[in-house]
Protein backbone atom coordinates (compact mmCIF):
# COMPACT_ATOMS: atom_id res chain seq x y z
CA MET A 1 14.69 -7.29 -3.58
CA ALA A 2 12.07 -7.02 -6.32
CA LEU A 3 8.99 -3.70 -6.54
CA PHE A 4 5.61 -4.26 -6.29
CA LEU A 5 2.37 -2.32 -6.86
CA LEU A 6 -0.93 -2.66 -4.75
CA THR A 7 -3.54 -0.94 -6.46
CA TYR A 8 -6.78 -0.81 -4.37
CA GLY A 9 -10.49 1.25 -3.55
CA TYR A 10 -11.85 2.50 -0.93
CA ASN A 11 -14.78 0.96 0.88
CA GLU A 12 -17.41 2.97 2.51
CA THR A 13 -16.74 3.12 5.92
CA ASP A 14 -16.51 5.80 8.78
CA LEU A 15 -12.89 3.56 9.64
CA ARG A 16 -11.34 5.54 7.03
CA ALA A 17 -10.99 8.60 8.41
CA GLN A 18 -11.17 7.69 11.50
CA ARG A 19 -7.92 5.31 11.77
CA ARG A 20 -6.42 7.44 9.06
CA ASP A 21 -3.57 7.99 11.29
CA ASP A 22 -2.61 4.45 12.26
CA HIS A 23 -2.54 3.77 7.94
CA VAL A 24 -0.15 6.50 7.19
CA ALA A 25 2.07 5.68 10.40
CA TYR A 26 2.13 1.90 9.51
CA LEU A 27 3.20 2.94 5.82
CA ASN A 28 6.01 5.47 7.69
CA GLU A 29 7.03 2.45 9.40
CA LEU A 30 7.50 0.71 6.05
CA HIS A 31 9.43 3.88 4.57
CA ALA A 32 12.09 4.22 7.06
CA ASP A 33 12.43 0.27 6.68
CA GLY A 34 13.00 0.46 3.08
CA ALA A 35 9.93 -1.74 2.09
CA LEU A 36 8.10 1.68 1.20
CA VAL A 37 8.84 3.45 -1.80
CA ALA A 38 5.71 5.52 -2.69
CA ALA A 39 2.44 5.77 -1.65
CA GLY A 40 -0.54 8.10 -1.95
CA PRO A 41 -4.13 8.01 -3.01
CA TYR A 42 -5.31 9.13 -6.87
CA GLU A 43 -6.46 12.63 -6.86
CA ASP A 44 -10.12 12.07 -7.30
CA GLY A 45 -10.03 9.90 -3.63
CA SER A 46 -11.11 7.00 -5.36
CA GLY A 47 -8.28 5.00 -3.81
CA GLY A 48 -4.72 4.90 -3.73
CA ALA A 49 -1.47 3.08 -4.88
CA ILE A 50 1.13 1.86 -2.72
CA LEU A 51 4.81 0.42 -3.99
CA LEU A 52 6.44 -1.77 -2.17
CA ASN A 53 9.91 -3.25 -2.32
CA ALA A 54 9.96 -6.92 -0.23
CA GLU A 55 11.62 -10.02 -1.27
CA ASP A 56 9.15 -11.93 -2.87
CA VAL A 57 5.38 -11.67 -3.22
CA ALA A 58 4.52 -13.82 -0.26
CA ALA A 59 6.57 -10.74 1.84
CA ALA A 60 4.68 -7.71 -0.27
CA GLU A 61 1.23 -10.19 1.02
CA LYS A 62 2.19 -9.77 4.25
CA LEU A 63 3.42 -6.08 4.35
CA VAL A 64 -0.22 -5.51 2.63
CA ALA A 65 -2.07 -7.87 5.31
CA ASP A 66 -0.27 -5.85 8.09
CA ASP A 67 -1.63 -2.72 7.14
CA PRO A 68 -4.66 -0.80 9.50
CA TYR A 69 -6.72 -0.24 6.33
CA THR A 70 -6.63 -4.32 5.11
CA ARG A 71 -7.36 -5.21 8.60
CA LEU A 72 -10.30 -2.93 8.74
CA ASP A 73 -11.75 -4.00 5.52
CA VAL A 74 -11.20 0.01 4.56
CA THR A 75 -9.67 -1.03 1.04
CA ARG A 76 -11.38 -2.97 -1.80
CA ASN A 77 -10.69 -4.78 -5.07
CA ARG A 78 -6.87 -4.60 -3.61
CA TYR A 79 -4.32 -5.99 -6.46
CA LEU A 80 -0.93 -6.65 -5.89
CA ARG A 81 1.30 -7.18 -8.71
CA PRO A 82 5.00 -7.81 -9.85
CA TRP A 83 6.47 -3.88 -10.80
CA LYS A 84 9.30 -3.55 -13.51
CA VAL A 85 11.27 -0.45 -13.95
CA VAL A 86 12.57 -0.01 -17.52
CA VAL A 87 13.30 3.59 -18.12
CA GLY A 88 14.23 5.79 -14.86
CA GLY A 89 15.64 5.01 -11.25
CA ILE A 90 13.76 4.57 -7.82
């Protein structure tokens, strides 16, 4: 398994508030399955970050693609990249 960091911004859409519960439920499922390490919005509300645990980049991309916010185009400027822990533990 490898870690992947997803960062993103938000599009201006009412769907963000309307589908937030679906997005959070999906993230909770990923966490329960061990595929999500941590997730949350930036303090200023401009976007957020999600730390995923996946076999490879294709698996991480599928996790992102299945998120309701991705499917509904709520997020923009999504950037997914491998992330390596050098200090500390997860």
